[in-house]
């Protein structure tokens, strides 16, 4: 069995970080914190795409996912309540 290379270890760490930020996005009751966790997840996905040799997809993910979508969500939160209500 071959040992893991440094690239595989880094990719594993990035993917675990993506899962953690996705979980935090779901669990946060503060909508602004959830939006920032979603932006962090998008940036980590962008890094993963770059490591998988897809720089065009990485740039699009960073621009749209972390940039435009986060800005629109934060703008929407600013126009409404910041905290999620109890159901």
PDB file of N, CA and C in Angstrom:
ATOM      1  N   UNK A   1       0.845  -1.183   0.000  1.00  0.00           N
ATOM      2  CA  UNK A   1       0.000   0.000   0.000  1.00  0.00           C
ATOM      3  C   UNK A   1       0.888   1.243   0.000  1.00  0.00           C
ATOM      4  N   UNK A   2       0.595   2.173  -0.903  1.00  0.00           N
ATOM      5  CA  UNK A   2       1.385   3.384  -1.017  1.00  0.00           C
ATOM      6  C   UNK A   2       0.976   4.398   0.050  1.00  0.00           C
ATOM      7  N   UNK A   3       1.950   5.090   0.630  1.00  0.00           N
ATOM      8  CA  UNK A   3       1.596   6.140   1.592  1.00  0.00           C
ATOM      9  C   UNK A   3       0.978   7.331   0.863  1.00  0.00           C
ATOM     10  N   UNK A   4       0.228   8.114   1.601  1.00  0.00           N
ATOM     11  CA  UNK A   4      -0.407   9.289   1.012  1.00  0.00           C
ATOM     12  C   UNK A   4       0.635  10.352   0.680  1.00  0.00           C
ATOM     13  N   UNK A   5       0.434  11.021  -0.432  1.00  0.00           N
ATOM     14  CA  UNK A   5       1.324  12.119  -0.786  1.00  0.00           C
ATOM     15  C   UNK A   5       0.853  13.382  -0.062  1.00  0.00           C
ATOM     16  N   UNK A   6       1.687  14.391  -0.075  1.00  0.00           N
ATOM     17  CA  UNK A   6       1.350  15.647   0.594  1.00  0.00           C
ATOM     18  C   UNK A   6       0.142  16.310  -0.061  1.00  0.00           C
ATOM     19  N   UNK A   7       0.006  16.164  -1.390  1.00  0.00           N
ATOM     20  CA  UNK A   7      -1.149  16.718  -2.095  1.00  0.00           C
ATOM     21  C   UNK A   7      -2.440  16.061  -1.638  1.00  0.00           C
ATOM     22  N   UNK A   8      -2.411  14.756  -1.460  1.00  0.00           N
ATOM     23  CA  UNK A   8      -3.608  14.047  -1.004  1.00  0.00           C
ATOM     24  C   UNK A   8      -3.975  14.432   0.418  1.00  0.00           C
ATOM     25  N   UNK A   9      -2.984  14.626   1.254  1.00  0.00           N
ATOM     26  CA  UNK A   9      -3.246  15.038   2.635  1.00  0.00           C
ATOM     27  C   UNK A   9      -3.866  16.431   2.663  1.00  0.00           C
ATOM     28  N   UNK A  10      -3.357  17.345   1.850  1.00  0.00           N
ATOM     29  CA  UNK A  10      -3.909  18.700   1.796  1.00  0.00           C
ATOM     30  C   UNK A  10      -5.332  18.670   1.253  1.00  0.00           C
ATOM     31  N   UNK A  11      -5.573  17.892   0.201  1.00  0.00           N
ATOM     32  CA  UNK A  11      -6.932  17.786  -0.340  1.00  0.00           C
ATOM     33  C   UNK A  11      -7.897  17.209   0.681  1.00  0.00           C
ATOM     34  N   UNK A  12      -7.454  16.231   1.439  1.00  0.00           N
ATOM     35  CA  UNK A  12      -8.289  15.657   2.484  1.00  0.00           C
ATOM     36  C   UNK A  12      -8.623  16.709   3.540  1.00  0.00           C
ATOM     37  N   UNK A  13      -7.636  17.507   3.919  1.00  0.00           N
ATOM     38  CA  UNK A  13      -7.871  18.585   4.884  1.00  0.00           C
ATOM     39  C   UNK A  13      -8.833  19.632   4.360  1.00  0.00           C
ATOM     40  N   UNK A  14      -8.694  19.993   3.089  1.00  0.00           N
ATOM     41  CA  UNK A  14      -9.593  20.979   2.487  1.00  0.00           C
ATOM     42  C   UNK A  14     -11.020  20.430   2.434  1.00  0.00           C
ATOM     43  N   UNK A  15     -11.161  19.171   2.052  1.00  0.00           N
ATOM     44  CA  UNK A  15     -12.495  18.579   1.982  1.00  0.00           C
ATOM     45  C   UNK A  15     -13.140  18.452   3.358  1.00  0.00           C
ATOM     46  N   UNK A  16     -12.357  18.135   4.376  1.00  0.00           N
ATOM     47  CA  UNK A  16     -12.896  18.126   5.737  1.00  0.00           C
ATOM     48  C   UNK A  16     -13.328  19.525   6.163  1.00  0.00           C
ATOM     49  N   UNK A  17     -12.557  20.532   5.770  1.00  0.00           N
ATOM     50  CA  UNK A  17     -12.917  21.914   6.080  1.00  0.00           C
ATOM     51  C   UNK A  17     -14.195  22.327   5.354  1.00  0.00           C
ATOM     52  N   UNK A  18     -14.380  21.855   4.130  1.00  0.00           N
ATOM     53  CA  UNK A  18     -15.615  22.130   3.391  1.00  0.00           C
ATOM     54  C   UNK A  18     -16.805  21.532   4.130  1.00  0.00           C
ATOM     55  N   UNK A  19     -16.659  20.295   4.592  1.00  0.00           N
ATOM     56  CA  UNK A  19     -17.742  19.656   5.342  1.00  0.00           C
ATOM     57  C   UNK A  19     -18.039  20.396   6.648  1.00  0.00           C
ATOM     58  N   UNK A  20     -16.996  20.835   7.336  1.00  0.00           N
ATOM     59  CA  UNK A  20     -17.181  21.564   8.591  1.00  0.00           C
ATOM     60  C   UNK A  20     -17.904  22.888   8.359  1.00  0.00           C
ATOM     61  N   UNK A  21     -17.495  23.640   7.340  1.00  0.00           N
ATOM     62  CA  UNK A  21     -18.146  24.922   7.082  1.00  0.00           C
ATOM     63  C   UNK A  21     -19.576  24.729   6.579  1.00  0.00           C
ATOM     64  N   UNK A  22     -19.830  23.649   5.850  1.00  0.00           N
ATOM     65  CA  UNK A  22     -21.206  23.361   5.430  1.00  0.00           C
ATOM     66  C   UNK A  22     -22.074  23.063   6.648  1.00  0.00           C
ATOM     67  N   UNK A  23     -21.549  22.286   7.586  1.00  0.00           N
ATOM     68  CA  UNK A  23     -22.282  21.989   8.816  1.00  0.00           C
ATOM     69  C   UNK A  23     -22.540  23.272   9.614  1.00  0.00           C
ATOM     70  N   UNK A  24     -21.524  24.124   9.722  1.00  0.00           N
ATOM     71  CA  UNK A  24     -21.691  25.380  10.461  1.00  0.00           C
ATOM     72  C   UNK A  24     -22.711  26.291   9.786  1.00  0.00           C
ATOM     73  N   UNK A  25     -22.722  26.286   8.459  1.00  0.00           N
ATOM     74  CA  UNK A  25     -23.703  27.093   7.731  1.00  0.00           C
ATOM     75  C   UNK A  25     -25.122  26.675   8.099  1.00  0.00           C
ATOM     76  N   UNK A  26     -25.341  25.398   8.248  1.00  0.00           N
ATOM     77  CA  UNK A  26     -26.666  24.896   8.593  1.00  0.00           C
ATOM     78  C   UNK A  26     -27.009  25.168  10.051  1.00  0.00           C
ATOM     79  N   UNK A  27     -26.039  25.055  10.942  1.00  0.00           N
ATOM     80  CA  UNK A  27     -26.299  25.117  12.378  1.00  0.00           C
ATOM     81  C   UNK A  27     -26.376  26.533  12.957  1.00  0.00           C
ATOM     82  N   UNK A  28     -25.752  27.524  12.332  1.00  0.00           N
ATOM     83  CA  UNK A  28     -25.760  28.888  12.886  1.00  0.00           C
ATOM     84  C   UNK A  28     -27.169  29.455  12.901  1.00  0.00           C
ATOM     85  N   UNK A  29     -27.544  30.076  14.026  1.00  0.00           N
ATOM     86  CA  UNK A  29     -28.829  30.761  14.120  1.00  0.00           C
ATOM     87  C   UNK A  29     -28.683  32.217  13.644  1.00  0.00           C
ATOM     88  N   UNK A  30     -27.478  32.750  13.718  1.00  0.00           N
ATOM     89  CA  UNK A  30     -27.191  34.093  13.226  1.00  0.00           C
ATOM     90  C   UNK A  30     -27.010  34.005  11.708  1.00  0.00           C
ATOM     91  N   UNK A  31     -27.890  34.661  10.974  1.00  0.00           N
ATOM     92  CA  UNK A  31     -27.875  34.527   9.518  1.00  0.00           C
ATOM     93  C   UNK A  31     -26.632  35.130   8.890  1.00  0.00           C
ATOM     94  N   UNK A  32     -26.093  36.193   9.494  1.00  0.00           N
ATOM     95  CA  UNK A  32     -24.866  36.785   8.960  1.00  0.00           C
ATOM     96  C   UNK A  32     -23.694  35.821   9.119  1.00  0.00           C
ATOM     97  N   UNK A  33     -23.604  35.160  10.261  1.00  0.00           N
ATOM     98  CA  UNK A  33     -22.550  34.160  10.467  1.00  0.00           C
ATOM     99  C   UNK A  33     -22.714  33.000   9.491  1.00  0.00           C
ATOM    100  N   UNK A  34     -23.959  32.602   9.236  1.00  0.00           N
ATOM    101  CA  UNK A  34     -24.210  31.523   8.275  1.00  0.00           C
ATOM    102  C   UNK A  34     -23.791  31.943   6.868  1.00  0.00           C
ATOM    103  N   UNK A  35     -24.042  33.189   6.508  1.00  0.00           N
ATOM    104  CA  UNK A  35     -23.635  33.676   5.187  1.00  0.00           C
ATOM    105  C   UNK A  35     -22.115  33.705   5.060  1.00  0.00           C
ATOM    106  N   UNK A  36     -21.417  34.099   6.121  1.00  0.00           N
ATOM    107  CA  UNK A  36     -19.959  34.120   6.075  1.00  0.00           C
ATOM    108  C   UNK A  36     -19.381  32.704   6.059  1.00  0.00           C
ATOM    109  N   UNK A  37     -20.017  31.773   6.760  1.00  0.00           N
ATOM    110  CA  UNK A  37     -19.574  30.377   6.700  1.00  0.00           C
ATOM    111  C   UNK A  37     -19.790  29.810   5.297  1.00  0.00           C
ATOM    112  N   UNK A  38     -20.875  30.210   4.663  1.00  0.00           N
ATOM    113  CA  UNK A  38     -21.132  29.781   3.288  1.00  0.00           C
ATOM    114  C   UNK A  38     -20.078  30.348   2.335  1.00  0.00           C
ATOM    115  N   UNK A  39     -19.678  31.592   2.554  1.00  0.00           N
ATOM    116  CA  UNK A  39     -18.620  32.186   1.733  1.00  0.00           C
ATOM    117  C   UNK A  39     -17.296  31.455   1.939  1.00  0.00           C
ATOM    118  N   UNK A  40     -17.006  31.092   3.187  1.00  0.00           N
ATOM    119  CA  UNK A  40     -15.777  30.337   3.467  1.00  0.00           C
ATOM    120  C   UNK A  40     -15.816  28.978   2.782  1.00  0.00           C
ATOM    121  N   UNK A  41     -16.986  28.336   2.809  1.00  0.00           N
ATOM    122  CA  UNK A  41     -17.127  27.052   2.132  1.00  0.00           C
ATOM    123  C   UNK A  41     -16.884  27.209   0.628  1.00  0.00           C
ATOM    124  N   UNK A  42     -17.400  28.273   0.058  1.00  0.00           N
ATOM    125  CA  UNK A  42     -17.212  28.509  -1.364  1.00  0.00           C
ATOM    126  C   UNK A  42     -15.741  28.750  -1.707  1.00  0.00           C
ATOM    127  N   UNK A  43     -15.043  29.482  -0.850  1.00  0.00           N
ATOM    128  CA  UNK A  43     -13.618  29.699  -1.091  1.00  0.00           C
ATOM    129  C   UNK A  43     -12.823  28.403  -0.966  1.00  0.00           C
ATOM    130  N   UNK A  44     -13.192  27.566  -0.014  1.00  0.00           N
ATOM    131  CA  UNK A  44     -12.518  26.273   0.117  1.00  0.00           C
ATOM    132  C   UNK A  44     -12.802  25.378  -1.089  1.00  0.00           C
ATOM    133  N   UNK A  45     -14.031  25.409  -1.588  1.00  0.00           N
ATOM    134  CA  UNK A  45     -14.343  24.651  -2.806  1.00  0.00           C
ATOM    135  C   UNK A  45     -13.550  25.185  -3.995  1.00  0.00           C
ATOM    136  N   UNK A  46     -13.385  26.493  -4.038  1.00  0.00           N
ATOM    137  CA  UNK A  46     -12.583  27.086  -5.098  1.00  0.00           C
ATOM    138  C   UNK A  46     -11.138  26.598  -5.023  1.00  0.00           C
ATOM    139  N   UNK A  47     -10.607  26.524  -3.815  1.00  0.00           N
ATOM    140  CA  UNK A  47      -9.255  25.987  -3.633  1.00  0.00           C
ATOM    141  C   UNK A  47      -9.174  24.532  -4.080  1.00  0.00           C
ATOM    142  N   UNK A  48     -10.184  23.755  -3.750  1.00  0.00           N
ATOM    143  CA  UNK A  48     -10.203  22.339  -4.160  1.00  0.00           C
ATOM    144  C   UNK A  48     -10.252  22.199  -5.681  1.00  0.00           C
ATOM    145  N   UNK A  49     -11.072  23.017  -6.337  1.00  0.00           N
ATOM    146  CA  UNK A  49     -11.120  22.969  -7.799  1.00  0.00           C
ATOM    147  C   UNK A  49      -9.764  23.322  -8.406  1.00  0.00           C
ATOM    148  N   UNK A  50      -9.093  24.304  -7.804  1.00  0.00           N
ATOM    149  CA  UNK A  50      -7.772  24.676  -8.308  1.00  0.00           C
ATOM    150  C   UNK A  50      -6.783  23.525  -8.136  1.00  0.00           C
ATOM    151  N   UNK A  51      -6.866  22.841  -6.997  1.00  0.00           N
ATOM    152  CA  UNK A  51      -5.963  21.716  -6.754  1.00  0.00           C
ATOM    153  C   UNK A  51      -6.265  20.541  -7.681  1.00  0.00           C
ATOM    154  N   UNK A  52      -7.488  20.472  -8.188  1.00  0.00           N
ATOM    155  CA  UNK A  52      -7.859  19.427  -9.140  1.00  0.00           C
ATOM    156  C   UNK A  52      -7.611  19.852 -10.586  1.00  0.00           C
ATOM    157  N   UNK A  53      -6.844  20.924 -10.765  1.00  0.00           N
ATOM    158  CA  UNK A  53      -6.431  21.424 -12.081  1.00  0.00           C
ATOM    159  C   UNK A  53      -7.609  21.908 -12.930  1.00  0.00           C
ATOM    160  N   UNK A  54      -8.521  22.617 -12.285  1.00  0.00           N
ATOM    161  CA  UNK A  54      -9.633  23.249 -12.992  1.00  0.00           C
ATOM    162  C   UNK A  54      -9.669  24.726 -12.610  1.00  0.00           C
ATOM    163  N   UNK A  55      -8.683  25.509 -13.078  1.00  0.00           N
ATOM    164  CA  UNK A  55      -8.599  26.903 -12.634  1.00  0.00           C
ATOM    165  C   UNK A  55      -9.769  27.761 -13.101  1.00  0.00           C
ATOM    166  N   UNK A  56     -10.344  27.456 -14.265  1.00  0.00           N
ATOM    167  CA  UNK A  56     -11.482  28.243 -14.738  1.00  0.00           C
ATOM    168  C   UNK A  56     -12.693  28.045 -13.833  1.00  0.00           C
ATOM    169  N   UNK A  57     -12.931  26.829 -13.377  1.00  0.00           N
ATOM    170  CA  UNK A  57     -14.031  26.553 -12.457  1.00  0.00           C
ATOM    171  C   UNK A  57     -13.743  27.193 -11.100  1.00  0.00           C
ATOM    172  N   UNK A  58     -12.482  27.167 -10.676  1.00  0.00           N
ATOM    173  CA  UNK A  58     -12.102  27.766  -9.396  1.00  0.00           C
ATOM    174  C   UNK A  58     -12.352  29.270  -9.397  1.00  0.00           C
ATOM    175  N   UNK A  59     -12.012  29.932 -10.479  1.00  0.00           N
ATOM    176  CA  UNK A  59     -12.226  31.378 -10.569  1.00  0.00           C
ATOM    177  C   UNK A  59     -13.714  31.695 -10.569  1.00  0.00           C
ATOM    178  N   UNK A  60     -14.493  30.917 -11.304  1.00  0.00           N
ATOM    179  CA  UNK A  60     -15.941  31.140 -11.345  1.00  0.00           C
ATOM    180  C   UNK A  60     -16.569  30.895  -9.974  1.00  0.00           C
ATOM    181  N   UNK A  61     -16.142  29.858  -9.280  1.00  0.00           N
ATOM    182  CA  UNK A  61     -16.673  29.559  -7.944  1.00  0.00           C
ATOM    183  C   UNK A  61     -16.327  30.672  -6.958  1.00  0.00           C
ATOM    184  N   UNK A  62     -15.109  31.162  -7.030  1.00  0.00           N
ATOM    185  CA  UNK A  62     -14.698  32.234  -6.122  1.00  0.00           C
ATOM    186  C   UNK A  62     -15.473  33.520  -6.412  1.00  0.00           C
ATOM    187  N   UNK A  63     -15.625  33.842  -7.682  1.00  0.00           N
ATOM    188  CA  UNK A  63     -16.310  35.089  -8.038  1.00  0.00           C
ATOM    189  C   UNK A  63     -17.801  35.033  -7.752  1.00  0.00           C
ATOM    190  N   UNK A  64     -18.432  33.965  -8.179  1.00  0.00           N
ATOM    191  CA  UNK A  64     -19.887  33.869  -8.030  1.00  0.00           C
ATOM    192  C   UNK A  64     -20.263  33.382  -6.638  1.00  0.00           C
ATOM    193  N   UNK A  65     -19.685  32.270  -6.202  1.00  0.00           N
ATOM    194  CA  UNK A  65     -20.070  31.682  -4.929  1.00  0.00           C
ATOM    195  C   UNK A  65     -19.693  32.518  -3.727  1.00  0.00           C
ATOM    196  N   UNK A  66     -18.445  32.939  -3.666  1.00  0.00           N
ATOM    197  CA  UNK A  66     -17.982  33.700  -2.512  1.00  0.00           C
ATOM    198  C   UNK A  66     -18.232  35.193  -2.659  1.00  0.00           C
ATOM    199  N   UNK A  67     -18.304  35.664  -3.882  1.00  0.00           N
ATOM    200  CA  UNK A  67     -18.456  37.101  -4.088  1.00  0.00           C
ATOM    201  C   UNK A  67     -19.886  37.568  -4.233  1.00  0.00           C
ATOM    202  N   UNK A  68     -20.472  37.270  -5.354  1.00  0.00           N
ATOM    203  CA  UNK A  68     -21.788  37.806  -5.696  1.00  0.00           C
ATOM    204  C   UNK A  68     -22.889  37.256  -4.793  1.00  0.00           C
ATOM    205  N   UNK A  69     -22.907  35.950  -4.612  1.00  0.00           N
ATOM    206  CA  UNK A  69     -23.969  35.337  -3.809  1.00  0.00           C
ATOM    207  C   UNK A  69     -23.894  35.821  -2.362  1.00  0.00           C
ATOM    208  N   UNK A  70     -22.692  35.883  -1.805  1.00  0.00           N
ATOM    209  CA  UNK A  70     -22.546  36.355  -0.431  1.00  0.00           C
ATOM    210  C   UNK A  70     -22.982  37.810  -0.305  1.00  0.00           C
ATOM    211  N   UNK A  71     -22.632  38.626  -1.262  1.00  0.00           N
ATOM    212  CA  UNK A  71     -23.053  40.030  -1.221  1.00  0.00           C
ATOM    213  C   UNK A  71     -24.574  40.153  -1.275  1.00  0.00           C
ATOM    214  N   UNK A  72     -25.217  39.370  -2.129  1.00  0.00           N
ATOM    215  CA  UNK A  72     -26.675  39.417  -2.207  1.00  0.00           C
ATOM    216  C   UNK A  72     -27.333  38.914  -0.928  1.00  0.00           C
ATOM    217  N   UNK A  73     -26.795  37.867  -0.345  1.00  0.00           N
ATOM    218  CA  UNK A  73     -27.367  37.330   0.894  1.00  0.00           C
ATOM    219  C   UNK A  73     -27.183  38.327   2.039  1.00  0.00           C
ATOM    220  N   UNK A  74     -26.016  38.922   2.151  1.00  0.00           N
ATOM    221  CA  UNK A  74     -25.781  39.918   3.206  1.00  0.00           C
ATOM    222  C   UNK A  74     -26.690  41.127   3.001  1.00  0.00           C
ATOM    223  N   UNK A  75     -26.896  41.538   1.771  1.00  0.00           N
ATOM    224  CA  UNK A  75     -27.824  42.641   1.486  1.00  0.00           C
ATOM    225  C   UNK A  75     -29.240  42.264   1.906  1.00  0.00           C
ATOM    226  N   UNK A  76     -29.655  41.041   1.614  1.00  0.00           N
ATOM    227  CA  UNK A  76     -30.980  40.578   2.024  1.00  0.00           C
ATOM    228  C   UNK A  76     -31.119  40.522   3.538  1.00  0.00           C
ATOM    229  N   UNK A  77     -30.076  40.096   4.221  1.00  0.00           N
ATOM    230  CA  UNK A  77     -30.108  40.058   5.683  1.00  0.00           C
ATOM    231  C   UNK A  77     -30.203  41.469   6.248  1.00  0.00           C
ATOM    232  N   UNK A  78     -29.510  42.403   5.622  1.00  0.00           N
ATOM    233  CA  UNK A  78     -29.558  43.794   6.095  1.00  0.00           C
ATOM    234  C   UNK A  78     -30.962  44.374   5.977  1.00  0.00           C
ATOM    235  N   UNK A  79     -31.730  43.909   5.020  1.00  0.00           N
ATOM    236  CA  UNK A  79     -33.090  44.417   4.817  1.00  0.00           C
ATOM    237  C   UNK A  79     -34.133  43.700   5.698  1.00  0.00           C
ATOM    238  N   UNK A  80     -33.731  42.609   6.357  1.00  0.00           N
ATOM    239  CA  UNK A  80     -34.664  41.838   7.173  1.00  0.00           C
ATOM    240  C   UNK A  80     -34.061  41.644   8.564  1.00  0.00           C
ATOM    241  N   UNK A  81     -34.518  40.610   9.267  1.00  0.00           N
ATOM    242  CA  UNK A  81     -34.014  40.282  10.589  1.00  0.00           C
ATOM    243  C   UNK A  81     -32.710  39.497  10.477  1.00  0.00           C
ATOM    244  N   UNK A  82     -31.790  39.779  11.396  1.00  0.00           N
ATOM    245  CA  UNK A  82     -30.499  39.104  11.353  1.00  0.00           C
ATOM    246  C   UNK A  82     -30.563  37.701  11.956  1.00  0.00           C
ATOM    247  N   UNK A  83     -31.443  37.499  12.899  1.00  0.00           N
ATOM    248  CA  UNK A  83     -31.492  36.216  13.614  1.00  0.00           C
ATOM    249  C   UNK A  83     -32.663  35.388  13.128  1.00  0.00           C
ATOM    250  N   UNK A  84     -32.420  34.091  13.015  1.00  0.00           N
ATOM    251  CA  UNK A  84     -33.476  33.160  12.610  1.00  0.00           C
ATOM    252  C   UNK A  84     -34.446  32.984  13.779  1.00  0.00           C
ATOM    253  N   UNK A  85     -35.740  33.044  13.480  1.00  0.00           N
ATOM    254  CA  UNK A  85     -36.744  32.884  14.528  1.00  0.00           C
ATOM    255  C   UNK A  85     -36.932  31.434  14.921  1.00  0.00           C
ATOM    256  N   UNK A  86     -37.457  31.238  16.100  1.00  0.00           N
ATOM    257  CA  UNK A  86     -37.746  29.880  16.575  1.00  0.00           C
ATOM    258  C   UNK A  86     -39.010  29.373  15.914  1.00  0.00           C
ATOM    259  N   UNK A  87     -38.998  28.110  15.497  1.00  0.00           N
ATOM    260  CA  UNK A  87     -40.172  27.528  14.841  1.00  0.00           C
ATOM    261  C   UNK A  87     -41.098  26.891  15.857  1.00  0.00           C
TER     262      UNK A  87
END
